[in-house]
């Protein structure tokens, strides 16, 4: 029997193992701007955008003081954070640049503009904005995502 997931299904949150809660909060709260919604003592915290119960959980239950996430191992490639407008993506990019936080990549995927960086534990983070669906590139009705250089001037000054 065939099954299709309901079209309104969304990924609600990601829960990350980190080595140091306060260090992670400097990234997710202080740099990216997420708000703390709940703490579980010193070992876990939930953060959110816009009052949702949590978009990201951070915990040290098995990883207190551990080294960074290995690059060449099975696991999460990156967490993607969708910004509502192109201006919002430009604003966070300017904030990251002003903080001298390293950006590891940037791409125009045709459907979206994406900025890539790593959190303090080496977990990949994608910050992106989706173009309107009607602007997505297609070939014969099939989605045709690309990886092209981002137009920094258009993003930051557009």
N, C-alpha and C. Protein backbone atom coordinates (compact mmCIF):
# COMPACT_ATOMS: atom_id res chain seq x y z
N UNK A 1 0.83 -1.17 0.00
CA UNK A 1 0.00 0.00 0.00
C UNK A 1 0.89 1.25 0.00
N UNK A 2 0.57 2.18 -0.87
CA UNK A 2 1.32 3.43 -0.99
C UNK A 2 0.87 4.42 0.08
N UNK A 3 1.80 5.18 0.54
CA UNK A 3 1.49 6.21 1.54
C UNK A 3 2.24 7.49 1.18
N UNK A 4 1.56 8.62 1.27
CA UNK A 4 2.19 9.93 1.11
C UNK A 4 2.00 10.72 2.38
N UNK A 5 3.07 11.31 2.86
CA UNK A 5 3.01 12.12 4.06
C UNK A 5 2.09 13.32 3.80
N UNK A 6 1.30 13.76 4.76
CA UNK A 6 0.43 14.91 4.55
C UNK A 6 1.22 16.15 4.11
N UNK A 7 0.68 16.90 3.17
CA UNK A 7 1.41 18.04 2.60
C UNK A 7 1.68 19.15 3.59
N UNK A 8 0.93 19.25 4.67
CA UNK A 8 1.15 20.30 5.66
C UNK A 8 2.15 19.90 6.74
N UNK A 9 2.73 18.70 6.64
CA UNK A 9 3.71 18.24 7.61
C UNK A 9 4.95 19.14 7.58
N UNK A 10 5.47 19.48 8.74
CA UNK A 10 6.67 20.31 8.85
C UNK A 10 7.61 19.68 9.86
N UNK A 11 8.88 19.97 9.75
CA UNK A 11 9.83 19.58 10.78
C UNK A 11 9.74 20.65 11.86
N UNK A 12 9.39 20.24 13.06
CA UNK A 12 9.09 21.19 14.12
C UNK A 12 10.30 21.70 14.87
N UNK A 13 11.29 20.83 15.11
CA UNK A 13 12.48 21.27 15.84
C UNK A 13 13.62 20.29 15.62
N UNK A 14 14.79 20.73 16.00
CA UNK A 14 15.97 19.89 16.00
C UNK A 14 16.54 19.93 17.42
N UNK A 15 17.08 18.81 17.87
CA UNK A 15 17.66 18.75 19.21
C UNK A 15 19.12 18.33 19.05
N UNK A 16 20.02 19.18 19.47
CA UNK A 16 21.45 18.98 19.24
C UNK A 16 22.19 18.62 20.52
N UNK A 17 23.13 17.70 20.39
CA UNK A 17 24.06 17.40 21.48
C UNK A 17 25.20 18.41 21.38
N UNK A 18 25.48 19.10 22.48
CA UNK A 18 26.53 20.11 22.50
C UNK A 18 27.46 19.85 23.68
N UNK A 19 28.62 20.48 23.66
CA UNK A 19 29.59 20.28 24.73
C UNK A 19 29.43 21.28 25.87
N UNK A 20 28.89 22.46 25.58
CA UNK A 20 28.81 23.52 26.58
C UNK A 20 27.58 24.38 26.29
N UNK A 21 26.61 24.35 27.18
CA UNK A 21 25.35 25.07 26.97
C UNK A 21 25.59 26.57 26.80
N UNK A 22 26.35 27.18 27.68
CA UNK A 22 26.55 28.63 27.61
C UNK A 22 27.26 29.03 26.31
N UNK A 23 28.23 28.25 25.89
CA UNK A 23 28.93 28.54 24.63
C UNK A 23 27.95 28.45 23.46
N UNK A 24 27.08 27.45 23.49
CA UNK A 24 26.08 27.30 22.43
C UNK A 24 25.07 28.44 22.45
N UNK A 25 24.70 28.88 23.64
CA UNK A 25 23.77 30.01 23.74
C UNK A 25 24.37 31.30 23.19
N UNK A 26 25.67 31.47 23.30
CA UNK A 26 26.31 32.65 22.71
C UNK A 26 26.10 32.67 21.20
N UNK A 27 26.02 31.49 20.60
CA UNK A 27 25.79 31.40 19.16
C UNK A 27 24.30 31.51 18.84
N UNK A 28 23.49 30.60 19.39
CA UNK A 28 22.08 30.53 19.01
C UNK A 28 21.25 31.69 19.57
N UNK A 29 21.52 32.13 20.78
CA UNK A 29 20.76 33.23 21.38
C UNK A 29 21.40 34.58 21.04
N UNK A 30 22.69 34.73 21.38
CA UNK A 30 23.31 36.04 21.29
C UNK A 30 23.64 36.46 19.85
N UNK A 31 24.05 35.52 19.01
CA UNK A 31 24.37 35.87 17.63
C UNK A 31 23.15 35.75 16.72
N UNK A 32 22.49 34.59 16.72
CA UNK A 32 21.36 34.38 15.81
C UNK A 32 20.06 34.97 16.32
N UNK A 33 19.94 35.22 17.63
CA UNK A 33 18.78 35.91 18.15
C UNK A 33 17.64 35.06 18.66
N UNK A 34 17.83 33.75 18.79
CA UNK A 34 16.78 32.91 19.36
C UNK A 34 16.55 33.27 20.82
N UNK A 35 15.33 33.03 21.31
CA UNK A 35 14.98 33.31 22.70
C UNK A 35 14.89 32.01 23.48
N UNK A 36 15.33 32.03 24.73
CA UNK A 36 15.20 30.85 25.59
C UNK A 36 13.73 30.71 26.00
N UNK A 37 13.19 29.51 25.81
CA UNK A 37 11.82 29.25 26.26
C UNK A 37 11.79 28.38 27.50
N UNK A 38 12.81 27.54 27.68
CA UNK A 38 12.86 26.70 28.88
C UNK A 38 14.27 26.18 29.10
N UNK A 39 14.63 26.07 30.36
CA UNK A 39 15.90 25.46 30.77
C UNK A 39 15.61 24.20 31.57
N UNK A 40 16.47 23.22 31.43
CA UNK A 40 16.44 22.02 32.26
C UNK A 40 17.74 22.00 33.04
N UNK A 41 17.76 22.73 34.13
CA UNK A 41 18.97 22.82 34.93
C UNK A 41 20.11 23.38 34.11
N UNK A 42 21.28 22.79 34.28
CA UNK A 42 22.47 23.22 33.55
C UNK A 42 22.76 22.33 32.34
N UNK A 43 21.88 21.34 32.08
CA UNK A 43 22.21 20.37 31.04
C UNK A 43 21.41 20.48 29.75
N UNK A 44 20.38 21.30 29.72
CA UNK A 44 19.60 21.43 28.49
C UNK A 44 18.85 22.75 28.48
N UNK A 45 18.61 23.24 27.28
CA UNK A 45 17.86 24.48 27.08
C UNK A 45 17.13 24.39 25.75
N UNK A 46 15.93 24.98 25.69
CA UNK A 46 15.17 25.07 24.44
C UNK A 46 15.15 26.54 24.02
N UNK A 47 15.34 26.78 22.72
CA UNK A 47 15.29 28.14 22.18
C UNK A 47 14.30 28.19 21.03
N UNK A 48 13.78 29.40 20.79
CA UNK A 48 12.69 29.57 19.85
C UNK A 48 12.76 30.91 19.16
N UNK A 49 12.09 30.98 18.02
CA UNK A 49 11.82 32.24 17.34
C UNK A 49 10.32 32.48 17.40
N UNK A 50 9.93 33.66 17.84
CA UNK A 50 8.53 34.04 17.79
C UNK A 50 7.60 33.37 18.77
N UNK A 51 8.11 32.82 19.86
CA UNK A 51 7.25 32.27 20.88
C UNK A 51 6.84 30.82 20.72
N UNK A 52 7.31 30.14 19.69
CA UNK A 52 7.05 28.71 19.53
C UNK A 52 7.69 27.99 20.73
N UNK A 53 7.18 26.82 21.12
CA UNK A 53 7.73 26.15 22.32
C UNK A 53 9.22 25.88 22.19
N UNK A 54 9.68 25.41 21.04
CA UNK A 54 11.11 25.37 20.76
C UNK A 54 11.37 24.96 19.33
N UNK A 55 12.32 25.63 18.74
CA UNK A 55 12.81 25.26 17.42
C UNK A 55 14.10 24.45 17.53
N UNK A 56 14.89 24.77 18.56
CA UNK A 56 16.16 24.08 18.77
C UNK A 56 16.29 23.70 20.24
N UNK A 57 16.60 22.44 20.48
CA UNK A 57 16.96 21.98 21.81
C UNK A 57 18.46 21.77 21.85
N UNK A 58 19.07 22.14 22.95
CA UNK A 58 20.52 21.97 23.14
C UNK A 58 20.70 21.19 24.43
N UNK A 59 21.49 20.11 24.39
CA UNK A 59 21.72 19.38 25.63
C UNK A 59 23.15 18.86 25.72
N UNK A 60 23.58 18.63 26.97
CA UNK A 60 24.90 18.06 27.25
C UNK A 60 24.77 16.72 27.97
N UNK A 61 23.64 16.05 27.80
CA UNK A 61 23.37 14.82 28.54
C UNK A 61 24.44 13.75 28.34
N UNK A 62 25.01 13.67 27.15
CA UNK A 62 26.05 12.67 26.86
C UNK A 62 27.33 13.30 26.32
N UNK A 63 27.37 14.64 26.29
CA UNK A 63 28.46 15.29 25.56
C UNK A 63 29.14 16.44 26.30
N UNK A 64 28.89 16.60 27.58
CA UNK A 64 29.52 17.69 28.34
C UNK A 64 31.03 17.65 28.13
N UNK A 65 31.57 18.74 27.61
CA UNK A 65 33.01 18.85 27.40
C UNK A 65 33.56 18.06 26.23
N UNK A 66 32.71 17.48 25.41
CA UNK A 66 33.17 16.67 24.27
C UNK A 66 33.78 17.56 23.18
N UNK A 67 34.52 16.94 22.30
CA UNK A 67 35.12 17.64 21.17
C UNK A 67 34.08 17.95 20.10
N UNK A 68 34.48 18.65 19.04
CA UNK A 68 33.54 19.02 17.98
C UNK A 68 33.00 17.81 17.23
N UNK A 69 31.86 18.01 16.60
CA UNK A 69 31.25 16.97 15.78
C UNK A 69 32.22 16.59 14.65
N UNK A 70 32.45 15.30 14.42
CA UNK A 70 33.37 14.89 13.36
C UNK A 70 32.78 15.18 11.98
N UNK A 71 33.62 15.62 11.08
CA UNK A 71 33.18 15.95 9.72
C UNK A 71 32.88 14.68 8.93
N UNK A 72 33.73 13.67 9.06
CA UNK A 72 33.60 12.45 8.25
C UNK A 72 32.94 11.32 9.02
N UNK A 73 31.77 11.59 9.58
CA UNK A 73 31.03 10.57 10.32
C UNK A 73 29.54 10.71 10.00
N UNK A 74 28.82 9.65 10.19
CA UNK A 74 27.38 9.69 10.00
C UNK A 74 26.78 10.64 11.03
N UNK A 75 25.78 11.40 10.62
CA UNK A 75 25.12 12.32 11.54
C UNK A 75 24.49 13.46 10.78
N UNK A 76 24.07 14.46 11.49
CA UNK A 76 23.41 15.62 10.93
C UNK A 76 24.38 16.42 10.07
N UNK A 77 23.99 16.74 8.84
CA UNK A 77 24.84 17.56 7.96
C UNK A 77 24.71 19.03 8.35
N UNK A 78 23.46 19.50 8.41
CA UNK A 78 23.23 20.85 8.93
C UNK A 78 21.77 21.03 9.33
N UNK A 79 21.56 22.00 10.17
CA UNK A 79 20.23 22.46 10.53
C UNK A 79 19.95 23.68 9.66
N UNK A 80 18.81 23.70 8.99
CA UNK A 80 18.47 24.82 8.12
C UNK A 80 17.43 25.71 8.80
N UNK A 81 17.74 26.99 8.88
CA UNK A 81 16.86 27.96 9.52
C UNK A 81 16.32 28.88 8.43
N UNK A 82 15.01 28.83 8.22
CA UNK A 82 14.34 29.57 7.16
C UNK A 82 13.93 30.95 7.64
N UNK A 83 14.44 31.98 6.96
CA UNK A 83 14.07 33.36 7.27
C UNK A 83 12.90 33.78 6.40
N UNK A 84 11.97 34.59 6.95
CA UNK A 84 10.75 34.91 6.21
C UNK A 84 10.95 35.82 5.00
N UNK A 85 11.95 36.69 5.04
CA UNK A 85 12.17 37.61 3.92
C UNK A 85 13.65 37.65 3.55
N UNK A 86 13.90 38.11 2.35
CA UNK A 86 15.27 38.29 1.89
C UNK A 86 15.99 39.32 2.76
N UNK A 87 15.27 40.37 3.16
CA UNK A 87 15.85 41.39 4.04
C UNK A 87 16.27 40.78 5.37
N UNK A 88 15.46 39.86 5.91
CA UNK A 88 15.83 39.20 7.17
C UNK A 88 17.12 38.40 7.02
N UNK A 89 17.28 37.71 5.88
CA UNK A 89 18.53 36.98 5.63
C UNK A 89 19.69 37.96 5.50
N UNK A 90 19.47 39.08 4.82
CA UNK A 90 20.52 40.10 4.71
C UNK A 90 20.90 40.64 6.08
N UNK A 91 19.90 40.90 6.92
CA UNK A 91 20.17 41.45 8.26
C UNK A 91 21.00 40.49 9.10
N UNK A 92 20.67 39.20 9.11
CA UNK A 92 21.45 38.25 9.93
C UNK A 92 22.85 38.07 9.34
N UNK A 93 22.97 38.14 8.03
CA UNK A 93 24.28 38.03 7.39
C UNK A 93 25.16 39.22 7.80
N UNK A 94 24.58 40.41 7.81
CA UNK A 94 25.33 41.60 8.25
C UNK A 94 25.73 41.47 9.72
N UNK A 95 24.84 40.93 10.53
CA UNK A 95 25.13 40.74 11.95
C UNK A 95 26.30 39.76 12.14
N UNK A 96 26.28 38.67 11.39
CA UNK A 96 27.36 37.68 11.46
C UNK A 96 28.68 38.31 11.02
N UNK A 97 28.64 39.06 9.93
CA UNK A 97 29.85 39.74 9.45
C UNK A 97 30.38 40.73 10.48
N UNK A 98 29.48 41.50 11.10
CA UNK A 98 29.90 42.48 12.10
C UNK A 98 30.53 41.81 13.32
N UNK A 99 30.08 40.60 13.64
CA UNK A 99 30.64 39.85 14.78
C UNK A 99 31.91 39.10 14.39
N UNK A 100 32.30 39.17 13.11
CA UNK A 100 33.47 38.46 12.60
C UNK A 100 33.35 36.95 12.81
N UNK A 101 32.11 36.45 12.74
CA UNK A 101 31.89 35.00 12.87
C UNK A 101 32.11 34.39 11.49
N UNK A 102 32.85 33.29 11.39
CA UNK A 102 33.19 32.74 10.07
C UNK A 102 32.00 32.13 9.33
N UNK A 103 31.82 32.57 8.10
CA UNK A 103 30.87 31.97 7.17
C UNK A 103 31.64 30.94 6.38
N UNK A 104 31.11 29.71 6.30
CA UNK A 104 31.83 28.63 5.63
C UNK A 104 31.40 28.45 4.17
N UNK A 105 30.31 29.10 3.77
CA UNK A 105 29.86 28.99 2.39
C UNK A 105 28.61 29.82 2.16
N UNK A 106 28.28 29.98 0.89
CA UNK A 106 27.07 30.71 0.50
C UNK A 106 26.71 30.26 -0.90
N UNK A 107 25.41 30.07 -1.15
CA UNK A 107 24.97 29.61 -2.46
C UNK A 107 23.62 30.18 -2.83
N UNK A 108 23.46 30.36 -4.13
CA UNK A 108 22.15 30.62 -4.72
C UNK A 108 21.70 29.27 -5.27
N UNK A 109 20.64 28.72 -4.69
CA UNK A 109 20.15 27.40 -5.12
C UNK A 109 18.99 27.50 -6.10
N UNK A 110 18.75 28.70 -6.63
CA UNK A 110 17.63 28.88 -7.54
C UNK A 110 16.32 29.03 -6.78
N UNK A 111 16.05 28.10 -5.89
CA UNK A 111 14.85 28.17 -5.05
C UNK A 111 15.08 29.03 -3.82
N UNK A 112 16.35 29.22 -3.46
CA UNK A 112 16.68 29.90 -2.21
C UNK A 112 18.07 30.52 -2.28
N UNK A 113 18.32 31.43 -1.33
CA UNK A 113 19.65 31.95 -1.07
C UNK A 113 20.06 31.42 0.29
N UNK A 114 21.29 30.90 0.39
CA UNK A 114 21.71 30.22 1.62
C UNK A 114 23.10 30.67 2.05
N UNK A 115 23.21 30.88 3.36
CA UNK A 115 24.48 31.20 4.02
C UNK A 115 24.79 30.03 4.95
N UNK A 116 26.03 29.56 4.94
CA UNK A 116 26.42 28.41 5.76
C UNK A 116 27.48 28.80 6.78
N UNK A 117 27.36 28.24 7.98
CA UNK A 117 28.34 28.41 9.03
C UNK A 117 28.25 27.21 9.97
N UNK A 118 29.16 27.14 10.91
CA UNK A 118 29.15 26.07 11.90
C UNK A 118 28.94 26.66 13.28
N UNK A 119 28.18 25.95 14.12
CA UNK A 119 28.04 26.40 15.50
C UNK A 119 29.33 26.05 16.24
N UNK A 120 29.47 26.44 17.51
CA UNK A 120 30.73 26.20 18.23
C UNK A 120 31.11 24.73 18.37
N UNK A 121 30.17 23.80 18.18
CA UNK A 121 30.48 22.37 18.26
C UNK A 121 30.72 21.74 16.90
N UNK A 122 30.77 22.54 15.86
CA UNK A 122 31.01 22.02 14.53
C UNK A 122 29.76 21.53 13.83
N UNK A 123 28.58 21.76 14.41
CA UNK A 123 27.33 21.40 13.75
C UNK A 123 27.05 22.41 12.65
N UNK A 124 26.78 21.92 11.44
CA UNK A 124 26.49 22.81 10.33
C UNK A 124 25.17 23.53 10.52
N UNK A 125 25.13 24.80 10.11
CA UNK A 125 23.93 25.62 10.18
C UNK A 125 23.77 26.32 8.84
N UNK A 126 22.59 26.19 8.25
CA UNK A 126 22.24 26.92 7.03
C UNK A 126 21.21 27.97 7.39
N UNK A 127 21.47 29.20 7.01
CA UNK A 127 20.51 30.29 7.15
C UNK A 127 20.04 30.61 5.73
N UNK A 128 18.73 30.54 5.49
CA UNK A 128 18.29 30.71 4.11
C UNK A 128 16.95 31.42 3.99
N UNK A 129 16.68 31.88 2.78
CA UNK A 129 15.41 32.51 2.38
C UNK A 129 14.95 31.83 1.11
N UNK A 130 13.70 31.41 1.09
CA UNK A 130 13.11 30.81 -0.11
C UNK A 130 12.53 31.89 -1.00
N UNK A 131 12.83 31.78 -2.28
CA UNK A 131 12.15 32.63 -3.26
C UNK A 131 10.70 32.17 -3.34
N UNK A 132 9.81 33.01 -3.83
CA UNK A 132 8.43 32.56 -4.04
C UNK A 132 8.38 31.34 -4.97
N UNK A 133 7.49 30.42 -4.68
CA UNK A 133 7.41 29.16 -5.45
C UNK A 133 7.35 29.39 -6.96
N UNK A 134 6.63 30.41 -7.39
CA UNK A 134 6.48 30.66 -8.82
C UNK A 134 7.79 31.07 -9.49
N UNK A 135 8.80 31.42 -8.70
CA UNK A 135 10.12 31.77 -9.25
C UNK A 135 11.10 30.60 -9.24
N UNK A 136 10.71 29.47 -8.68
CA UNK A 136 11.60 28.33 -8.62
C UNK A 136 11.89 27.81 -10.02
N UNK A 137 13.14 27.52 -10.32
CA UNK A 137 13.49 27.04 -11.66
C UNK A 137 13.00 25.60 -11.89
N UNK A 138 12.40 25.38 -13.03
CA UNK A 138 11.93 24.04 -13.40
C UNK A 138 12.34 23.73 -14.83
N UNK A 139 12.45 22.45 -15.09
CA UNK A 139 12.69 21.95 -16.43
C UNK A 139 11.67 20.85 -16.68
N UNK A 140 10.82 21.06 -17.67
CA UNK A 140 9.75 20.10 -17.98
C UNK A 140 8.91 19.77 -16.75
N UNK A 141 8.64 20.78 -15.93
CA UNK A 141 7.81 20.60 -14.76
C UNK A 141 8.51 20.04 -13.53
N UNK A 142 9.80 19.70 -13.66
CA UNK A 142 10.56 19.17 -12.54
C UNK A 142 11.44 20.26 -11.93
N UNK A 143 11.52 20.29 -10.62
CA UNK A 143 12.35 21.25 -9.92
C UNK A 143 13.80 21.11 -10.36
N UNK A 144 14.46 22.24 -10.59
CA UNK A 144 15.83 22.25 -11.09
C UNK A 144 16.70 23.12 -10.17
N UNK A 145 16.95 22.61 -8.95
CA UNK A 145 17.79 23.37 -8.02
C UNK A 145 19.22 23.41 -8.55
N UNK A 146 19.91 24.48 -8.20
CA UNK A 146 21.29 24.69 -8.64
C UNK A 146 22.15 25.04 -7.44
N UNK A 147 23.44 25.10 -7.65
CA UNK A 147 24.36 25.66 -6.67
C UNK A 147 25.24 26.64 -7.43
N UNK A 148 24.92 27.92 -7.27
CA UNK A 148 25.63 28.98 -7.97
C UNK A 148 26.15 29.98 -6.94
N UNK A 149 27.05 30.83 -7.40
CA UNK A 149 27.59 31.88 -6.51
C UNK A 149 26.47 32.82 -6.11
N UNK A 150 26.50 33.24 -4.87
CA UNK A 150 25.50 34.18 -4.39
C UNK A 150 25.90 35.58 -4.84
N UNK A 151 24.93 36.39 -5.17
CA UNK A 151 25.16 37.79 -5.53
C UNK A 151 25.11 38.59 -4.22
N UNK A 152 26.29 38.80 -3.62
CA UNK A 152 26.36 39.47 -2.32
C UNK A 152 25.78 40.88 -2.37
N UNK A 153 26.04 41.61 -3.44
CA UNK A 153 25.54 42.97 -3.53
C UNK A 153 24.02 42.97 -3.56
N UNK A 154 23.43 42.05 -4.32
CA UNK A 154 21.97 41.97 -4.38
C UNK A 154 21.40 41.59 -3.01
N UNK A 155 22.02 40.62 -2.32
CA UNK A 155 21.51 40.20 -1.01
C UNK A 155 21.63 41.33 0.01
N UNK A 156 22.82 41.89 0.14
CA UNK A 156 23.08 42.84 1.22
C UNK A 156 22.58 44.25 0.95
N UNK A 157 22.39 44.60 -0.32
CA UNK A 157 21.95 45.96 -0.65
C UNK A 157 20.63 46.00 -1.40
N UNK A 158 20.06 44.81 -1.67
CA UNK A 158 18.84 44.74 -2.48
C UNK A 158 17.66 44.87 -1.70
